[in-house]
C-alpha cells in the first residue's frame, strides 16, 4: 500500500501570516507536521511553501523541509525555484520516499490582484513505485476571496480560475509520461456550495466538466466517496485569511482526482491537523491510500 497526503500548509511569504500576529509559527507547524504526521506517508504533496524575493526566511523554510525530510526517508524532492524576475515561485513541493525520475512545472499566465505577485501554478513529478510509474500533478488555483479588487468582479474572478484550469489541462496533456496519474491540490472550487464565498469561485460542475478533457481521469473528486467533507476553513483564531464576511459555512475546495482504478483505491480521508490549540494550517489535509 502507498500512503499519500496532500496538504496546503499555509507557509506564506514574510509579512503575510496565518494569524493576526506577526508570527504564525511557520517553523513550529512544519516541524510538528513532519515529525508526527508526514513521516508516516510515502509521498507528500505540499501547497503554499513559497520561496520569495524579499525573504531569506522562505528560502530557509524550503531548506529546512529538505533537511528534516531526509531523516524520514524523503530523499527525493521536487519544487520550482523562483525565477529572477518573479517575486515568488508557485509554492508547490513534492516529497517522496520513492525515486522521482521526471520533474516539470508551470506558473499560470492568467492571474489577478495579489496573486500576480504570489503566483499559482502546477508541479509534476513522475515517481517510480513498485515497478510502475505514476505521474503526480499538484496545483493551487486562484483564490478569489483574497483579492478584494477581484472579488468586486465575480465574473472576472471565475474567468481567471477557468483559464488556469485550461492551462492546467494543457500542461497535463503535454507532460504525461505514465498511464497512471494523480492530480491533487487546492482548487478553490467548492463541491459543497453551502457558503456564500462559493459564489466567487468557479462552479464545481464547471471544474469537473473541464476535467473530462483528461479522460480517462475520474473527473469527480475522490472526496465524493466521503460526501465532500469540509477542507476549509479550519478555525484559526484571529486569522485575516478567514474573513467572516465571506466564510459563513464549510467548504470542500481541496481535491484529489485520479485515473487509477477504483479497486486500487483503499481509502481517502480528510484530516484536521492540530497540536494542542494550534492548527497546522487553515486547510485540512487529504490522505489517499492506494494499492498499485
C-alpha atoms as a PDB file:
ATOM      1  CA  UNK A   1       0.000   0.000   0.000  1.00  0.00           C
ATOM      2  CA  UNK A   2       1.142   3.541  -0.792  1.00  0.00           C
ATOM      3  CA  UNK A   3       0.173   6.346   1.583  1.00  0.00           C
ATOM      4  CA  UNK A   4      -0.153   9.845   0.111  1.00  0.00           C
ATOM      5  CA  UNK A   5      -1.014  13.117   1.815  1.00  0.00           C
ATOM      6  CA  UNK A   6      -1.910  16.404   0.113  1.00  0.00           C
ATOM      7  CA  UNK A   7      -1.676  19.473   2.344  1.00  0.00           C
ATOM      8  CA  UNK A   8      -1.996  23.230   1.901  1.00  0.00           C
ATOM      9  CA  UNK A   9       0.481  24.128   4.664  1.00  0.00           C
ATOM     10  CA  UNK A  10      -0.098  27.913   4.605  1.00  0.00           C
ATOM     11  CA  UNK A  11       3.596  28.841   4.824  1.00  0.00           C
ATOM     12  CA  UNK A  12       3.040  32.300   3.401  1.00  0.00           C
ATOM     13  CA  UNK A  13       5.790  34.695   2.361  1.00  0.00           C
ATOM     14  CA  UNK A  14       7.134  37.069   5.006  1.00  0.00           C
ATOM     15  CA  UNK A  15       4.691  39.835   6.067  1.00  0.00           C
ATOM     16  CA  UNK A  16       1.751  37.534   5.291  1.00  0.00           C
ATOM     17  CA  UNK A  17       0.741  35.452   8.282  1.00  0.00           C
ATOM     18  CA  UNK A  18      -1.739  32.767   9.237  1.00  0.00           C
ATOM     19  CA  UNK A  19      -2.896  34.811  12.248  1.00  0.00           C
ATOM     20  CA  UNK A  20      -3.383  38.427  13.153  1.00  0.00           C
ATOM     21  CA  UNK A  21       0.020  38.457  14.892  1.00  0.00           C
ATOM     22  CA  UNK A  22       3.438  38.925  13.303  1.00  0.00           C
ATOM     23  CA  UNK A  23       4.358  35.291  13.945  1.00  0.00           C
ATOM     24  CA  UNK A  24       2.182  32.464  12.672  1.00  0.00           C
ATOM     25  CA  UNK A  25       4.680  29.824  13.857  1.00  0.00           C
ATOM     26  CA  UNK A  26       5.609  28.572  10.418  1.00  0.00           C
ATOM     27  CA  UNK A  27       8.645  26.605  11.572  1.00  0.00           C
ATOM     28  CA  UNK A  28       6.843  25.095  14.560  1.00  0.00           C
ATOM     29  CA  UNK A  29       3.944  23.987  12.381  1.00  0.00           C
ATOM     30  CA  UNK A  30       6.250  22.454   9.763  1.00  0.00           C
ATOM     31  CA  UNK A  31       8.364  20.719  12.405  1.00  0.00           C
ATOM     32  CA  UNK A  32       5.341  19.156  14.072  1.00  0.00           C
ATOM     33  CA  UNK A  33       3.869  18.079  10.732  1.00  0.00           C
ATOM     34  CA  UNK A  34       6.966  16.219   9.579  1.00  0.00           C
ATOM     35  CA  UNK A  35       7.938  14.711  12.925  1.00  0.00           C
ATOM     36  CA  UNK A  36       4.475  13.493  13.850  1.00  0.00           C
ATOM     37  CA  UNK A  37       2.468  13.154  10.634  1.00  0.00           C
ATOM     38  CA  UNK A  38       4.428  13.459   7.405  1.00  0.00           C
ATOM     39  CA  UNK A  39       6.917  10.722   8.299  1.00  0.00           C
ATOM     40  CA  UNK A  40       4.089   8.165   8.168  1.00  0.00           C
ATOM     41  CA  UNK A  41       3.490   8.725   4.450  1.00  0.00           C
ATOM     42  CA  UNK A  42       5.301   7.673   1.292  1.00  0.00           C
ATOM     43  CA  UNK A  43       4.533  10.792  -0.757  1.00  0.00           C
ATOM     44  CA  UNK A  44       3.738  14.321   0.444  1.00  0.00           C
ATOM     45  CA  UNK A  45       2.113  16.879  -1.862  1.00  0.00           C
ATOM     46  CA  UNK A  46       2.525  20.369  -0.407  1.00  0.00           C
ATOM     47  CA  UNK A  47       0.968  23.684  -1.390  1.00  0.00           C
ATOM     48  CA  UNK A  48       1.809  27.200  -0.132  1.00  0.00           C
ATOM     49  CA  UNK A  49       5.517  26.700   0.579  1.00  0.00           C
ATOM     50  CA  UNK A  50       6.616  29.900  -1.131  1.00  0.00           C
ATOM     51  CA  UNK A  51      10.129  30.988  -1.989  1.00  0.00           C
ATOM     52  CA  UNK A  52      10.090  34.808  -2.193  1.00  0.00           C
ATOM     53  CA  UNK A  53      12.456  37.514  -3.400  1.00  0.00           C
ATOM     54  CA  UNK A  54      12.185  39.633  -0.253  1.00  0.00           C
ATOM     55  CA  UNK A  55      12.770  36.991   2.375  1.00  0.00           C
ATOM     56  CA  UNK A  56      15.549  34.562   3.121  1.00  0.00           C
ATOM     57  CA  UNK A  57      13.157  33.022   5.651  1.00  0.00           C
ATOM     58  CA  UNK A  58      11.006  31.479   2.953  1.00  0.00           C
ATOM     59  CA  UNK A  59      14.091  30.032   1.303  1.00  0.00           C
ATOM     60  CA  UNK A  60      15.199  28.727   4.684  1.00  0.00           C
ATOM     61  CA  UNK A  61      11.835  27.022   5.207  1.00  0.00           C
ATOM     62  CA  UNK A  62      12.357  25.149   1.949  1.00  0.00           C
ATOM     63  CA  UNK A  63      15.861  24.179   3.026  1.00  0.00           C
ATOM     64  CA  UNK A  64      14.509  23.249   6.461  1.00  0.00           C
ATOM     65  CA  UNK A  65      11.963  20.925   4.861  1.00  0.00           C
ATOM     66  CA  UNK A  66      14.632  19.362   2.656  1.00  0.00           C
ATOM     67  CA  UNK A  67      16.910  18.746   5.645  1.00  0.00           C
ATOM     68  CA  UNK A  68      14.325  17.378   8.057  1.00  0.00           C
ATOM     69  CA  UNK A  69      12.717  15.131   5.435  1.00  0.00           C
ATOM     70  CA  UNK A  70      15.944  13.293   4.776  1.00  0.00           C
ATOM     71  CA  UNK A  71      15.741  11.998   8.361  1.00  0.00           C
ATOM     72  CA  UNK A  72      12.451  10.281   7.489  1.00  0.00           C
ATOM     73  CA  UNK A  73      13.446   8.810   4.135  1.00  0.00           C
ATOM     74  CA  UNK A  74      12.201  11.575   1.826  1.00  0.00           C
ATOM     75  CA  UNK A  75      15.360  11.751  -0.255  1.00  0.00           C
ATOM     76  CA  UNK A  76      13.527  12.643  -3.474  1.00  0.00           C
ATOM     77  CA  UNK A  77      12.220  16.226  -3.584  1.00  0.00           C
ATOM     78  CA  UNK A  78      10.856  18.466  -6.336  1.00  0.00           C
ATOM     79  CA  UNK A  79       9.887  22.138  -6.423  1.00  0.00           C
ATOM     80  CA  UNK A  80      10.482  25.042  -8.771  1.00  0.00           C
ATOM     81  CA  UNK A  81      12.975  27.776  -7.938  1.00  0.00           C
ATOM     82  CA  UNK A  82      11.817  31.369  -8.193  1.00  0.00           C
ATOM     83  CA  UNK A  83      12.994  32.952 -11.425  1.00  0.00           C
ATOM     84  CA  UNK A  84      14.959  36.194 -11.128  1.00  0.00           C
ATOM     85  CA  UNK A  85      12.049  38.285 -12.450  1.00  0.00           C
ATOM     86  CA  UNK A  86       9.455  36.705 -10.109  1.00  0.00           C
ATOM     87  CA  UNK A  87       8.514  37.885  -6.623  1.00  0.00           C
ATOM     88  CA  UNK A  88       7.708  34.283  -5.604  1.00  0.00           C
ATOM     89  CA  UNK A  89       7.705  30.792  -7.020  1.00  0.00           C
ATOM     90  CA  UNK A  90       4.420  28.878  -7.222  1.00  0.00           C
ATOM     91  CA  UNK A  91       4.653  27.431  -3.689  1.00  0.00           C
ATOM     92  CA  UNK A  92       4.357  23.760  -4.695  1.00  0.00           C
ATOM     93  CA  UNK A  93       6.546  20.914  -3.415  1.00  0.00           C
ATOM     94  CA  UNK A  94       6.561  17.105  -3.761  1.00  0.00           C
ATOM     95  CA  UNK A  95       8.443  14.843  -1.330  1.00  0.00           C
ATOM     96  CA  UNK A  96       8.839  11.114  -1.972  1.00  0.00           C
ATOM     97  CA  UNK A  97      10.417   8.025  -0.447  1.00  0.00           C
ATOM     98  CA  UNK A  98      10.347   6.554  -3.962  1.00  0.00           C
ATOM     99  CA  UNK A  99      12.526   7.767  -6.865  1.00  0.00           C
ATOM    100  CA  UNK A 100      11.415  10.871  -8.745  1.00  0.00           C
ATOM    101  CA  UNK A 101      12.544  10.430 -12.337  1.00  0.00           C
ATOM    102  CA  UNK A 102      10.973  13.381 -14.128  1.00  0.00           C
ATOM    103  CA  UNK A 103      10.074  16.920 -12.990  1.00  0.00           C
ATOM    104  CA  UNK A 104       8.327  19.782 -14.775  1.00  0.00           C
ATOM    105  CA  UNK A 105       6.354  22.836 -13.677  1.00  0.00           C
ATOM    106  CA  UNK A 106       4.338  25.766 -14.935  1.00  0.00           C
ATOM    107  CA  UNK A 107       3.334  29.115 -13.426  1.00  0.00           C
ATOM    108  CA  UNK A 108      -0.101  30.198 -14.636  1.00  0.00           C
ATOM    109  CA  UNK A 109      -0.122  33.105 -17.068  1.00  0.00           C
ATOM    110  CA  UNK A 110      -3.677  34.002 -16.101  1.00  0.00           C
ATOM    111  CA  UNK A 111      -3.828  35.733 -12.717  1.00  0.00           C
ATOM    112  CA  UNK A 112      -5.077  38.815 -10.889  1.00  0.00           C
ATOM    113  CA  UNK A 113      -4.775  41.011  -7.814  1.00  0.00           C
ATOM    114  CA  UNK A 114      -2.295  39.971  -5.117  1.00  0.00           C
ATOM    115  CA  UNK A 115      -1.697  36.676  -6.887  1.00  0.00           C
ATOM    116  CA  UNK A 116       0.216  38.408  -9.666  1.00  0.00           C
ATOM    117  CA  UNK A 117       2.968  38.659  -7.052  1.00  0.00           C
ATOM    118  CA  UNK A 118       2.327  35.389  -5.178  1.00  0.00           C
ATOM    119  CA  UNK A 119       1.503  33.239  -8.209  1.00  0.00           C
ATOM    120  CA  UNK A 120      -0.211  29.913  -8.676  1.00  0.00           C
ATOM    121  CA  UNK A 121       0.725  27.038 -10.925  1.00  0.00           C
ATOM    122  CA  UNK A 122       1.267  23.300 -11.294  1.00  0.00           C
ATOM    123  CA  UNK A 123       4.153  20.960 -10.431  1.00  0.00           C
ATOM    124  CA  UNK A 124       4.604  17.477 -11.899  1.00  0.00           C
ATOM    125  CA  UNK A 125       6.795  14.620 -10.682  1.00  0.00           C
ATOM    126  CA  UNK A 126       6.929  11.140 -12.181  1.00  0.00           C
ATOM    127  CA  UNK A 127       7.518   8.664  -9.340  1.00  0.00           C
ATOM    128  CA  UNK A 128       8.672   5.069  -9.771  1.00  0.00           C
ATOM    129  CA  UNK A 129       6.653   2.869  -7.373  1.00  0.00           C
ATOM    130  CA  UNK A 130       6.730  -0.935  -7.283  1.00  0.00           C
ATOM    131  CA  UNK A 131       7.903  -1.194 -10.901  1.00  0.00           C
ATOM    132  CA  UNK A 132       5.210   1.221 -12.060  1.00  0.00           C
ATOM    133  CA  UNK A 133       5.445   4.888 -12.975  1.00  0.00           C
ATOM    134  CA  UNK A 134       2.832   7.305 -11.615  1.00  0.00           C
ATOM    135  CA  UNK A 135       2.628  10.961 -12.642  1.00  0.00           C
ATOM    136  CA  UNK A 136       1.797  13.231  -9.703  1.00  0.00           C
ATOM    137  CA  UNK A 137       0.442  16.694 -10.508  1.00  0.00           C
ATOM    138  CA  UNK A 138      -0.220  19.213  -7.743  1.00  0.00           C
ATOM    139  CA  UNK A 139      -1.783  22.607  -8.240  1.00  0.00           C
ATOM    140  CA  UNK A 140      -3.062  25.699  -6.483  1.00  0.00           C
ATOM    141  CA  UNK A 141      -5.807  27.582  -8.333  1.00  0.00           C
ATOM    142  CA  UNK A 142      -6.528  31.313  -7.949  1.00  0.00           C
ATOM    143  CA  UNK A 143      -8.197  32.253  -4.637  1.00  0.00           C
ATOM    144  CA  UNK A 144     -10.778  34.973  -5.384  1.00  0.00           C
ATOM    145  CA  UNK A 145     -11.680  35.958  -1.789  1.00  0.00           C
ATOM    146  CA  UNK A 146      -8.104  37.053  -1.052  1.00  0.00           C
ATOM    147  CA  UNK A 147      -8.248  39.869  -3.595  1.00  0.00           C
ATOM    148  CA  UNK A 148     -10.908  42.461  -2.867  1.00  0.00           C
ATOM    149  CA  UNK A 149     -10.306  44.073  -6.242  1.00  0.00           C
ATOM    150  CA  UNK A 150     -11.124  40.758  -7.859  1.00  0.00           C
ATOM    151  CA  UNK A 151     -13.993  39.913  -5.526  1.00  0.00           C
ATOM    152  CA  UNK A 152     -15.778  43.032  -6.698  1.00  0.00           C
ATOM    153  CA  UNK A 153     -15.892  41.455 -10.146  1.00  0.00           C
ATOM    154  CA  UNK A 154     -17.170  37.909  -9.749  1.00  0.00           C
ATOM    155  CA  UNK A 155     -17.159  37.110 -13.456  1.00  0.00           C
ATOM    156  CA  UNK A 156     -13.518  38.197 -13.819  1.00  0.00           C
ATOM    157  CA  UNK A 157     -12.542  36.086 -10.827  1.00  0.00           C
ATOM    158  CA  UNK A 158     -14.225  32.983 -12.207  1.00  0.00           C
ATOM    159  CA  UNK A 159     -12.707  33.594 -15.636  1.00  0.00           C
ATOM    160  CA  UNK A 160      -9.206  33.663 -14.125  1.00  0.00           C
ATOM    161  CA  UNK A 161      -9.903  30.336 -12.430  1.00  0.00           C
ATOM    162  CA  UNK A 162     -11.365  28.802 -15.594  1.00  0.00           C
ATOM    163  CA  UNK A 163      -8.379  29.920 -17.658  1.00  0.00           C
ATOM    164  CA  UNK A 164      -5.986  28.496 -15.065  1.00  0.00           C
ATOM    165  CA  UNK A 165      -7.793  25.137 -15.239  1.00  0.00           C
ATOM    166  CA  UNK A 166      -7.431  25.230 -19.034  1.00  0.00           C
ATOM    167  CA  UNK A 167      -3.694  25.927 -18.608  1.00  0.00           C
ATOM    168  CA  UNK A 168      -3.531  23.060 -16.103  1.00  0.00           C
ATOM    169  CA  UNK A 169      -5.203  20.641 -18.524  1.00  0.00           C
ATOM    170  CA  UNK A 170      -2.879  21.615 -21.376  1.00  0.00           C
ATOM    171  CA  UNK A 171       0.134  21.192 -19.089  1.00  0.00           C
ATOM    172  CA  UNK A 172      -1.004  17.719 -18.021  1.00  0.00           C
ATOM    173  CA  UNK A 173      -1.631  16.663 -21.620  1.00  0.00           C
ATOM    174  CA  UNK A 174       1.845  17.842 -22.626  1.00  0.00           C
ATOM    175  CA  UNK A 175       3.677  16.344 -19.639  1.00  0.00           C
ATOM    176  CA  UNK A 176       2.010  12.988 -19.031  1.00  0.00           C
ATOM    177  CA  UNK A 177       4.585  10.190 -19.185  1.00  0.00           C
ATOM    178  CA  UNK A 178       2.678   7.391 -17.441  1.00  0.00           C
ATOM    179  CA  UNK A 179      -0.689   5.664 -17.912  1.00  0.00           C
ATOM    180  CA  UNK A 180      -1.411   6.409 -14.231  1.00  0.00           C
ATOM    181  CA  UNK A 181      -1.713   9.857 -12.732  1.00  0.00           C
ATOM    182  CA  UNK A 182      -2.924  11.669  -9.649  1.00  0.00           C
ATOM    183  CA  UNK A 183      -3.976  15.317  -9.614  1.00  0.00           C
ATOM    184  CA  UNK A 184      -4.253  16.987  -6.198  1.00  0.00           C
ATOM    185  CA  UNK A 185      -4.265  20.407  -4.586  1.00  0.00           C
ATOM    186  CA  UNK A 186      -6.221  23.478  -3.590  1.00  0.00           C
ATOM    187  CA  UNK A 187      -8.677  24.075  -6.442  1.00  0.00           C
ATOM    188  CA  UNK A 188     -10.689  26.840  -4.760  1.00  0.00           C
ATOM    189  CA  UNK A 189     -13.789  25.250  -6.251  1.00  0.00           C
ATOM    190  CA  UNK A 190     -16.377  24.282  -3.645  1.00  0.00           C
ATOM    191  CA  UNK A 191     -18.221  20.987  -4.040  1.00  0.00           C
ATOM    192  CA  UNK A 192     -20.485  21.695  -1.036  1.00  0.00           C
ATOM    193  CA  UNK A 193     -21.818  25.137  -2.034  1.00  0.00           C
ATOM    194  CA  UNK A 194     -23.119  25.891   1.459  1.00  0.00           C
ATOM    195  CA  UNK A 195     -21.030  29.023   1.888  1.00  0.00           C
ATOM    196  CA  UNK A 196     -21.555  32.490   0.412  1.00  0.00           C
ATOM    197  CA  UNK A 197     -17.880  32.603  -0.640  1.00  0.00           C
ATOM    198  CA  UNK A 198     -18.679  29.834  -3.134  1.00  0.00           C
ATOM    199  CA  UNK A 199     -20.393  32.461  -5.275  1.00  0.00           C
ATOM    200  CA  UNK A 200     -16.954  33.929  -6.014  1.00  0.00           C
ATOM    201  CA  UNK A 201     -15.478  30.600  -7.092  1.00  0.00           C
ATOM    202  CA  UNK A 202     -15.541  28.606 -10.284  1.00  0.00           C
ATOM    203  CA  UNK A 203     -18.531  26.291 -10.041  1.00  0.00           C
ATOM    204  CA  UNK A 204     -17.501  22.738  -9.137  1.00  0.00           C
ATOM    205  CA  UNK A 205     -19.625  21.375 -12.005  1.00  0.00           C
ATOM    206  CA  UNK A 206     -17.698  23.594 -14.435  1.00  0.00           C
ATOM    207  CA  UNK A 207     -14.425  22.297 -12.971  1.00  0.00           C
ATOM    208  CA  UNK A 208     -15.404  18.646 -13.395  1.00  0.00           C
ATOM    209  CA  UNK A 209     -16.745  19.278 -16.894  1.00  0.00           C
ATOM    210  CA  UNK A 210     -13.405  20.805 -17.906  1.00  0.00           C
ATOM    211  CA  UNK A 211     -11.513  17.869 -16.401  1.00  0.00           C
ATOM    212  CA  UNK A 212     -13.411  15.488 -18.657  1.00  0.00           C
ATOM    213  CA  UNK A 213     -10.898  16.563 -21.295  1.00  0.00           C
ATOM    214  CA  UNK A 214      -8.375  14.469 -19.359  1.00  0.00           C
ATOM    215  CA  UNK A 215     -10.270  11.225 -19.981  1.00  0.00           C
ATOM    216  CA  UNK A 216      -9.916   8.566 -18.608  1.00  0.00           C
ATOM    217  CA  UNK A 217      -9.352  10.711 -15.499  1.00  0.00           C
ATOM    218  CA  UNK A 218     -12.168  10.245 -12.987  1.00  0.00           C
ATOM    219  CA  UNK A 219     -13.430  13.803 -13.278  1.00  0.00           C
ATOM    220  CA  UNK A 220     -15.172  13.630  -9.888  1.00  0.00           C
ATOM    221  CA  UNK A 221     -13.081  14.417  -6.814  1.00  0.00           C
ATOM    222  CA  UNK A 222     -12.326  11.313  -4.757  1.00  0.00           C
ATOM    223  CA  UNK A 223     -13.807  13.202  -1.805  1.00  0.00           C
ATOM    224  CA  UNK A 224     -17.191  12.362  -3.279  1.00  0.00           C
ATOM    225  CA  UNK A 225     -16.610   8.965  -1.643  1.00  0.00           C
ATOM    226  CA  UNK A 226     -16.852  10.741   1.732  1.00  0.00           C
ATOM    227  CA  UNK A 227     -19.692  13.121   0.745  1.00  0.00           C
ATOM    228  CA  UNK A 228     -17.358  16.091   0.275  1.00  0.00           C
ATOM    229  CA  UNK A 229     -16.225  16.827   3.848  1.00  0.00           C
ATOM    230  CA  UNK A 230     -15.062  20.272   4.951  1.00  0.00           C
ATOM    231  CA  UNK A 231     -11.480  21.099   3.938  1.00  0.00           C
ATOM    232  CA  UNK A 232     -11.553  24.882   4.564  1.00  0.00           C
ATOM    233  CA  UNK A 233     -11.674  26.809   6.786  1.00  0.00           C
ATOM    234  CA  UNK A 234     -10.093  25.066   9.702  1.00  0.00           C
ATOM    235  CA  UNK A 235     -10.656  27.514  12.602  1.00  0.00           C
ATOM    236  CA  UNK A 236      -7.566  29.675  13.054  1.00  0.00           C
ATOM    237  CA  UNK A 237      -8.115  32.203  15.821  1.00  0.00           C
ATOM    238  CA  UNK A 238      -7.640  35.772  14.605  1.00  0.00           C
ATOM    239  CA  UNK A 239      -6.704  34.760  11.074  1.00  0.00           C
ATOM    240  CA  UNK A 240      -7.112  37.502   8.478  1.00  0.00           C
ATOM    241  CA  UNK A 241      -7.333  34.691   5.924  1.00  0.00           C
ATOM    242  CA  UNK A 242     -10.767  33.761   7.231  1.00  0.00           C
ATOM    243  CA  UNK A 243     -12.875  36.809   6.504  1.00  0.00           C
ATOM    244  CA  UNK A 244     -16.091  36.365   8.482  1.00  0.00           C
ATOM    245  CA  UNK A 245     -17.968  38.311   5.819  1.00  0.00           C
ATOM    246  CA  UNK A 246     -17.136  35.544   3.362  1.00  0.00           C
ATOM    247  CA  UNK A 247     -16.660  32.344   5.336  1.00  0.00           C
ATOM    248  CA  UNK A 248     -20.041  31.561   6.856  1.00  0.00           C
ATOM    249  CA  UNK A 249     -20.049  27.799   6.385  1.00  0.00           C
ATOM    250  CA  UNK A 250     -17.930  24.795   5.473  1.00  0.00           C
ATOM    251  CA  UNK A 251     -16.365  24.380   2.036  1.00  0.00           C
ATOM    252  CA  UNK A 252     -14.760  21.497   0.172  1.00  0.00           C
ATOM    253  CA  UNK A 253     -12.194  23.204  -2.062  1.00  0.00           C
ATOM    254  CA  UNK A 254      -9.218  20.815  -1.780  1.00  0.00           C
ATOM    255  CA  UNK A 255      -9.474  17.769  -4.026  1.00  0.00           C
ATOM    256  CA  UNK A 256      -7.765  14.692  -5.450  1.00  0.00           C
ATOM    257  CA  UNK A 257      -8.544  13.320  -8.905  1.00  0.00           C
ATOM    258  CA  UNK A 258      -7.055  10.196 -10.477  1.00  0.00           C
ATOM    259  CA  UNK A 259      -7.413   7.697 -13.302  1.00  0.00           C
ATOM    260  CA  UNK A 260      -6.301   4.820 -11.070  1.00  0.00           C
ATOM    261  CA  UNK A 261      -8.888   2.048 -11.000  1.00  0.00           C
ATOM    262  CA  UNK A 262     -11.423   2.193  -8.150  1.00  0.00           C
ATOM    263  CA  UNK A 263     -10.375  -1.243  -6.907  1.00  0.00           C
ATOM    264  CA  UNK A 264      -6.867   0.113  -6.236  1.00  0.00           C
ATOM    265  CA  UNK A 265      -8.156   2.962  -4.043  1.00  0.00           C
ATOM    266  CA  UNK A 266      -8.066   1.629  -0.495  1.00  0.00           C
ATOM    267  CA  UNK A 267      -9.214   4.723   1.396  1.00  0.00           C
ATOM    268  CA  UNK A 268      -9.410   8.511   1.366  1.00  0.00           C
ATOM    269  CA  UNK A 269      -9.789  10.745   4.424  1.00  0.00           C
ATOM    270  CA  UNK A 270      -9.799  14.413   5.371  1.00  0.00           C
ATOM    271  CA  UNK A 271      -7.605  15.184   8.388  1.00  0.00           C
ATOM    272  CA  UNK A 272      -7.745  18.286  10.596  1.00  0.00           C
ATOM    273  CA  UNK A 273      -4.153  18.596  11.789  1.00  0.00           C
ATOM    274  CA  UNK A 274      -3.664  20.116  15.230  1.00  0.00           C
ATOM    275  CA  UNK A 275      -1.092  20.313  18.026  1.00  0.00           C
ATOM    276  CA  UNK A 276      -2.588  21.333  21.372  1.00  0.00           C
ATOM    277  CA  UNK A 277      -4.536  24.501  20.460  1.00  0.00           C
ATOM    278  CA  UNK A 278      -2.502  25.211  17.332  1.00  0.00           C
ATOM    279  CA  UNK A 279      -3.929  24.168  13.979  1.00  0.00           C
ATOM    280  CA  UNK A 280      -1.193  23.418  11.480  1.00  0.00           C
ATOM    281  CA  UNK A 281      -2.999  25.267   8.692  1.00  0.00           C
ATOM    282  CA  UNK A 282      -6.286  26.881   7.767  1.00  0.00           C
ATOM    283  CA  UNK A 283      -6.795  23.874   5.445  1.00  0.00           C
ATOM    284  CA  UNK A 284      -7.347  20.238   6.265  1.00  0.00           C
ATOM    285  CA  UNK A 285      -5.094  17.626   4.684  1.00  0.00           C
ATOM    286  CA  UNK A 286      -6.277  14.847   2.377  1.00  0.00           C
ATOM    287  CA  UNK A 287      -4.989  11.321   2.908  1.00  0.00           C
ATOM    288  CA  UNK A 288      -5.114   8.865  -0.001  1.00  0.00           C
ATOM    289  CA  UNK A 289      -4.148   5.191   0.307  1.00  0.00           C
ATOM    290  CA  UNK A 290      -3.723   3.153  -2.871  1.00  0.00           C
ATOM    291  CA  UNK A 291      -2.607  -0.358  -3.785  1.00  0.00           C
ATOM    292  CA  UNK A 292      -0.643  -0.394  -7.021  1.00  0.00           C
END
